[in-house]
N, C-alpha and C. Protein backbone atom coordinates (compact mmCIF):
# COMPACT_ATOMS: atom_id res chain seq x y z
N MET A 1 0.85 -1.17 0.00
CA MET A 1 0.00 0.00 0.00
C MET A 1 0.89 1.23 0.00
N ASN A 2 0.51 2.22 -0.76
CA ASN A 2 1.26 3.47 -0.77
C ASN A 2 0.36 4.60 -0.26
N TRP A 3 0.92 5.80 -0.14
CA TRP A 3 0.14 6.88 0.46
C TRP A 3 -1.07 7.26 -0.40
N ASP A 4 -0.98 7.13 -1.72
CA ASP A 4 -2.13 7.42 -2.58
C ASP A 4 -3.31 6.52 -2.23
N GLN A 5 -3.02 5.26 -1.93
CA GLN A 5 -4.07 4.33 -1.54
C GLN A 5 -4.64 4.69 -0.17
N VAL A 6 -3.77 5.13 0.74
CA VAL A 6 -4.24 5.57 2.06
C VAL A 6 -5.19 6.74 1.89
N GLU A 7 -4.80 7.71 1.05
CA GLU A 7 -5.67 8.87 0.80
C GLU A 7 -7.03 8.44 0.26
N GLY A 8 -7.01 7.51 -0.68
CA GLY A 8 -8.25 7.06 -1.29
C GLY A 8 -9.17 6.33 -0.33
N GLN A 9 -8.60 5.76 0.72
CA GLN A 9 -9.38 5.01 1.70
C GLN A 9 -9.36 5.68 3.07
N TRP A 10 -9.21 6.99 3.08
CA TRP A 10 -8.97 7.72 4.34
C TRP A 10 -10.05 7.47 5.39
N LYS A 11 -11.30 7.41 5.00
CA LYS A 11 -12.35 7.19 5.99
C LYS A 11 -12.14 5.87 6.73
N GLN A 12 -11.73 4.85 6.01
CA GLN A 12 -11.47 3.56 6.63
C GLN A 12 -10.15 3.58 7.42
N MET A 13 -9.20 4.38 6.97
CA MET A 13 -7.87 4.41 7.58
C MET A 13 -7.84 5.21 8.89
N ARG A 14 -8.77 6.11 9.06
CA ARG A 14 -8.74 6.97 10.26
C ARG A 14 -8.72 6.16 11.54
N GLY A 15 -9.49 5.11 11.60
CA GLY A 15 -9.49 4.24 12.79
C GLY A 15 -8.15 3.56 13.00
N LEU A 16 -7.52 3.15 11.91
CA LEU A 16 -6.21 2.52 12.01
C LEU A 16 -5.15 3.51 12.47
N VAL A 17 -5.28 4.76 12.01
CA VAL A 17 -4.35 5.80 12.44
C VAL A 17 -4.48 6.01 13.94
N GLN A 18 -5.70 6.09 14.43
CA GLN A 18 -5.90 6.30 15.86
C GLN A 18 -5.48 5.08 16.68
N SER A 19 -5.59 3.89 16.12
CA SER A 19 -5.11 2.70 16.82
C SER A 19 -3.59 2.74 16.96
N LYS A 20 -2.92 3.19 15.91
CA LYS A 20 -1.46 3.24 15.90
C LYS A 20 -0.94 4.38 16.78
N TRP A 21 -1.55 5.55 16.67
CA TRP A 21 -1.11 6.73 17.41
C TRP A 21 -2.26 7.22 18.29
N ALA A 22 -2.42 6.59 19.44
CA ALA A 22 -3.56 6.83 20.33
C ALA A 22 -3.60 8.24 20.89
N LYS A 23 -2.49 8.95 20.90
CA LYS A 23 -2.48 10.32 21.42
C LYS A 23 -3.12 11.31 20.46
N LEU A 24 -3.39 10.89 19.22
CA LEU A 24 -4.08 11.76 18.26
C LEU A 24 -5.56 11.75 18.58
N THR A 25 -6.16 12.91 18.64
CA THR A 25 -7.58 13.01 18.94
C THR A 25 -8.41 12.77 17.67
N ASP A 26 -9.71 12.59 17.88
CA ASP A 26 -10.62 12.46 16.73
C ASP A 26 -10.50 13.67 15.82
N ASP A 27 -10.45 14.86 16.43
CA ASP A 27 -10.32 16.10 15.64
C ASP A 27 -9.00 16.13 14.88
N ASP A 28 -7.92 15.70 15.53
CA ASP A 28 -6.62 15.65 14.85
C ASP A 28 -6.73 14.84 13.56
N VAL A 29 -7.25 13.64 13.70
CA VAL A 29 -7.30 12.71 12.57
C VAL A 29 -8.26 13.21 11.50
N GLN A 30 -9.39 13.74 11.91
CA GLN A 30 -10.36 14.24 10.94
C GLN A 30 -9.79 15.42 10.15
N ASN A 31 -9.05 16.29 10.82
CA ASN A 31 -8.52 17.48 10.17
C ASN A 31 -7.26 17.23 9.33
N LEU A 32 -6.71 16.04 9.38
CA LEU A 32 -5.52 15.72 8.59
C LEU A 32 -5.82 15.71 7.10
N ARG A 33 -7.04 15.42 6.76
CA ARG A 33 -7.47 15.36 5.35
C ARG A 33 -6.57 14.44 4.51
N ALA A 34 -6.13 13.35 5.13
CA ALA A 34 -5.34 12.33 4.44
C ALA A 34 -4.01 12.84 3.90
N LYS A 35 -3.46 13.87 4.49
CA LYS A 35 -2.19 14.42 4.04
C LYS A 35 -1.06 13.89 4.91
N LYS A 36 -0.13 13.22 4.29
CA LYS A 36 0.96 12.57 5.01
C LYS A 36 1.77 13.58 5.82
N ASP A 37 2.08 14.74 5.23
CA ASP A 37 2.90 15.71 5.95
C ASP A 37 2.17 16.24 7.18
N GLN A 38 0.85 16.33 7.13
CA GLN A 38 0.09 16.77 8.29
C GLN A 38 0.07 15.70 9.37
N LEU A 39 -0.02 14.43 8.97
CA LEU A 39 0.06 13.33 9.93
C LEU A 39 1.42 13.34 10.63
N VAL A 40 2.47 13.49 9.85
CA VAL A 40 3.83 13.55 10.42
C VAL A 40 3.92 14.69 11.43
N GLY A 41 3.39 15.84 11.08
CA GLY A 41 3.42 17.00 11.98
C GLY A 41 2.66 16.76 13.27
N LYS A 42 1.50 16.12 13.19
CA LYS A 42 0.72 15.83 14.39
C LYS A 42 1.42 14.82 15.28
N ILE A 43 2.06 13.84 14.66
CA ILE A 43 2.82 12.86 15.45
C ILE A 43 3.96 13.56 16.17
N GLN A 44 4.67 14.44 15.46
CA GLN A 44 5.74 15.22 16.09
C GLN A 44 5.20 15.97 17.30
N GLN A 45 4.10 16.66 17.10
CA GLN A 45 3.52 17.50 18.14
C GLN A 45 3.06 16.67 19.35
N ARG A 46 2.29 15.63 19.12
CA ARG A 46 1.70 14.85 20.21
C ARG A 46 2.71 13.96 20.94
N TYR A 47 3.71 13.46 20.20
CA TYR A 47 4.65 12.51 20.79
C TYR A 47 6.00 13.13 21.09
N GLY A 48 6.23 14.36 20.67
CA GLY A 48 7.49 15.03 20.97
C GLY A 48 8.70 14.38 20.31
N VAL A 49 8.51 13.94 19.06
CA VAL A 49 9.61 13.31 18.32
C VAL A 49 10.04 14.22 17.18
N LEU A 50 11.23 13.98 16.68
CA LEU A 50 11.73 14.73 15.54
C LEU A 50 10.99 14.33 14.27
N LYS A 51 11.04 15.20 13.28
CA LYS A 51 10.36 14.95 12.01
C LYS A 51 10.81 13.64 11.38
N ASP A 52 12.11 13.37 11.39
CA ASP A 52 12.62 12.13 10.80
C ASP A 52 12.02 10.90 11.48
N GLU A 53 11.90 10.94 12.80
CA GLU A 53 11.31 9.82 13.54
C GLU A 53 9.84 9.66 13.19
N ALA A 54 9.10 10.76 13.12
CA ALA A 54 7.68 10.70 12.77
C ALA A 54 7.50 10.15 11.36
N GLU A 55 8.32 10.61 10.42
CA GLU A 55 8.24 10.10 9.05
C GLU A 55 8.55 8.61 9.00
N GLN A 56 9.53 8.19 9.78
CA GLN A 56 9.89 6.78 9.82
C GLN A 56 8.72 5.95 10.37
N GLN A 57 8.05 6.46 11.39
CA GLN A 57 6.89 5.75 11.94
C GLN A 57 5.78 5.60 10.90
N VAL A 58 5.51 6.67 10.18
CA VAL A 58 4.46 6.64 9.16
C VAL A 58 4.84 5.67 8.04
N ASP A 59 6.08 5.73 7.59
CA ASP A 59 6.53 4.82 6.54
C ASP A 59 6.45 3.36 6.99
N GLN A 60 6.81 3.10 8.24
CA GLN A 60 6.72 1.74 8.79
C GLN A 60 5.27 1.28 8.84
N TRP A 61 4.37 2.17 9.24
CA TRP A 61 2.95 1.86 9.31
C TRP A 61 2.41 1.50 7.92
N ILE A 62 2.81 2.28 6.91
CA ILE A 62 2.39 2.00 5.54
C ILE A 62 2.91 0.64 5.08
N ALA A 63 4.16 0.33 5.43
CA ALA A 63 4.72 -0.98 5.08
C ALA A 63 3.95 -2.11 5.75
N GLU A 64 3.54 -1.90 7.00
CA GLU A 64 2.74 -2.90 7.70
C GLU A 64 1.38 -3.07 7.04
N LEU A 65 0.80 -1.98 6.57
CA LEU A 65 -0.47 -2.07 5.86
C LEU A 65 -0.31 -2.90 4.59
N LYS A 66 0.82 -2.71 3.92
CA LYS A 66 1.08 -3.47 2.69
C LYS A 66 1.15 -4.96 3.00
N LEU A 67 1.81 -5.32 4.10
CA LEU A 67 1.90 -6.73 4.49
C LEU A 67 0.52 -7.28 4.82
N HIS A 68 -0.26 -6.50 5.57
CA HIS A 68 -1.61 -6.91 5.94
C HIS A 68 -2.47 -7.09 4.70
N GLU A 69 -2.34 -6.16 3.76
CA GLU A 69 -3.09 -6.20 2.51
C GLU A 69 -2.72 -7.46 1.72
N GLY A 70 -1.46 -7.83 1.71
CA GLY A 70 -1.01 -9.01 0.99
C GLY A 70 -1.59 -10.28 1.55
N HIS A 71 -1.71 -10.36 2.88
CA HIS A 71 -2.30 -11.55 3.50
C HIS A 71 -3.78 -11.66 3.18
N GLU A 72 -4.47 -10.54 3.15
CA GLU A 72 -5.90 -10.56 2.87
C GLU A 72 -6.18 -10.93 1.43
N SER A 73 -5.36 -10.46 0.50
CA SER A 73 -5.61 -10.74 -0.91
C SER A 73 -5.14 -12.13 -1.31
N SER A 74 -4.40 -12.80 -0.41
CA SER A 74 -3.91 -14.14 -0.75
C SER A 74 -5.00 -15.19 -0.65
N GLY A 75 -6.17 -14.80 -0.12
CA GLY A 75 -7.27 -15.75 -0.01
C GLY A 75 -7.14 -16.66 1.18
N ALA A 76 -6.35 -16.28 2.15
CA ALA A 76 -6.19 -17.11 3.33
C ALA A 76 -7.52 -17.25 4.05
N ALA A 77 -7.76 -18.45 4.58
CA ALA A 77 -9.00 -18.67 5.32
C ALA A 77 -8.95 -17.91 6.63
N GLY A 78 -10.10 -17.59 7.14
CA GLY A 78 -10.18 -16.88 8.40
C GLY A 78 -11.30 -15.88 8.37
N VAL A 79 -11.36 -15.08 9.40
CA VAL A 79 -12.42 -14.09 9.51
C VAL A 79 -11.89 -12.74 9.08
N SER A 80 -12.60 -12.09 8.19
CA SER A 80 -12.23 -10.76 7.73
C SER A 80 -12.49 -9.76 8.84
N PRO A 81 -11.49 -8.92 9.21
CA PRO A 81 -11.72 -7.93 10.25
C PRO A 81 -12.71 -6.86 9.84
N GLU A 82 -12.89 -6.65 8.55
CA GLU A 82 -13.79 -5.61 8.09
C GLU A 82 -15.25 -6.03 8.20
N THR A 83 -15.53 -7.30 7.86
CA THR A 83 -16.91 -7.73 7.79
C THR A 83 -17.30 -8.71 8.88
N GLY A 84 -16.30 -9.34 9.51
CA GLY A 84 -16.60 -10.35 10.52
C GLY A 84 -17.08 -11.66 9.92
N THR A 85 -16.87 -11.84 8.62
CA THR A 85 -17.30 -13.07 7.95
C THR A 85 -16.10 -13.86 7.49
N ASN A 86 -16.35 -15.11 7.16
CA ASN A 86 -15.27 -15.94 6.64
C ASN A 86 -14.83 -15.43 5.28
N ARG A 87 -13.53 -15.47 5.04
CA ARG A 87 -13.01 -15.02 3.74
C ARG A 87 -13.37 -16.02 2.65
N ARG A 88 -13.28 -17.30 2.98
CA ARG A 88 -13.64 -18.34 2.00
C ARG A 88 -14.97 -18.94 2.40
N GLN A 89 -15.89 -18.88 1.50
CA GLN A 89 -17.21 -19.46 1.80
C GLN A 89 -17.66 -20.31 0.66
């Protein structure tokens, strides 16, 4: 997954952002408008980290999303976290 995909799915991603960075408020996440530089800035502000560290965290999160996306598209059996239903039926 890349940032363009995150932007396109921002409504779904907002919950994941708040799960990853719990110090971000609902207003913080809503006002980001899916802009990576704004997310980096809010992480810097809320967590007191340098810009490079915040960017690294965001890039790592995106890489984790890519791995998660790969497992879901592989057709692995199990329960989909989005729907609560079996992936293979």
